[in-house]
Protein backbone atom coordinates (compact mmCIF):
# COMPACT_ATOMS: atom_id res chain seq x y z
CA MET A 1 10.44 -253.23 -31.32
CA LYS A 2 12.87 -252.12 -28.84
CA LYS A 3 12.29 -248.41 -27.44
CA THR A 4 13.14 -246.31 -25.14
CA TYR A 5 10.42 -243.95 -23.98
CA GLU A 6 11.31 -240.26 -21.65
CA THR A 7 9.06 -240.15 -18.94
CA PRO A 8 10.47 -237.34 -16.40
CA ALA A 9 7.85 -238.43 -13.93
CA ILE A 10 9.43 -240.96 -12.86
CA HIS A 11 11.33 -240.75 -9.41
CA CYS A 12 12.05 -244.19 -7.23
CA HIS A 13 11.67 -247.45 -7.33
CA SER A 14 8.00 -247.67 -6.52
CA CYS A 15 7.16 -245.41 -9.74
CA ALA A 16 9.74 -248.06 -11.87
CA SER A 17 8.35 -251.11 -9.98
CA LEU A 18 4.76 -249.70 -11.38
CA ILE A 19 5.56 -249.15 -14.09
CA ARG A 20 7.27 -252.45 -15.81
CA GLU A 21 4.47 -254.68 -13.89
CA THR A 22 1.32 -252.81 -16.12
CA LEU A 23 3.43 -252.89 -18.61
CA GLU A 24 4.52 -256.51 -18.67
CA GLU A 25 1.51 -257.57 -16.70
CA ASP A 26 -0.86 -255.47 -18.72
CA VAL A 27 -0.61 -254.05 -22.03
CA GLU A 28 -0.82 -257.00 -25.02
CA GLY A 29 2.25 -257.44 -27.49
CA VAL A 30 5.15 -255.69 -24.36
CA ARG A 31 8.00 -258.82 -24.01
CA SER A 32 10.18 -256.93 -21.80
CA VAL A 33 10.40 -253.79 -19.33
CA SER A 34 13.35 -252.06 -18.06
CA VAL A 35 13.88 -248.64 -16.36
CA ASP A 36 16.29 -246.40 -15.81
CA VAL A 37 14.99 -243.81 -12.54
CA PRO A 38 17.66 -241.81 -12.88
CA ALA A 39 17.48 -241.37 -16.45
CA LYS A 40 14.03 -241.40 -16.44
CA ARG A 41 13.47 -243.49 -19.30
CA VAL A 42 10.87 -246.00 -20.03
CA THR A 43 12.19 -248.83 -23.00
CA VAL A 44 10.13 -250.98 -24.29
CA GLU A 45 10.18 -254.79 -26.63
CA ALA A 46 7.10 -255.18 -27.53
CA ASP A 47 5.19 -256.06 -30.92
CA ASP A 48 5.13 -253.17 -33.32
CA ALA A 49 1.39 -252.71 -33.12
CA ALA A 50 1.94 -251.74 -28.72
CA GLU A 51 3.51 -248.16 -29.19
CA ALA A 52 -0.03 -246.89 -28.68
CA ARG A 53 -0.55 -248.37 -26.35
CA VAL A 54 2.63 -248.30 -24.57
CA LEU A 55 2.14 -244.65 -24.06
CA LYS A 56 -1.97 -244.92 -23.78
CA ALA A 57 -0.68 -246.90 -20.23
CA LEU A 58 1.91 -244.94 -19.38
CA ALA A 59 -0.02 -241.62 -19.38
CA ASP A 60 -3.13 -243.26 -17.75
CA LEU A 61 -0.40 -244.81 -14.86
CA GLY A 62 0.17 -240.67 -14.06
CA TYR A 63 3.88 -241.41 -16.02
CA PRO A 64 3.40 -239.06 -19.57
CA ALA A 65 6.10 -240.60 -21.83
CA GLU A 66 7.52 -238.76 -25.10
CA PRO A 67 9.52 -240.98 -27.72
CA GLY A 68 12.99 -240.47 -26.43
CA CYS A 69 17.13 -242.08 -27.77
């Protein structure tokens, strides 16, 4: 699955680095992560079963997310 999430709490490239590192290293099933800071979006390529874990990890980091475009 490749899915994009709206993450309005993203403000800077440090936020992006933290999100990318956490999702890629700590969330089972995640293959790649890209973060678009100006658009406040996170795109994740992962196993279908990983979506709930991705959303929880983002919320735990302080970046609650909703499925986007």
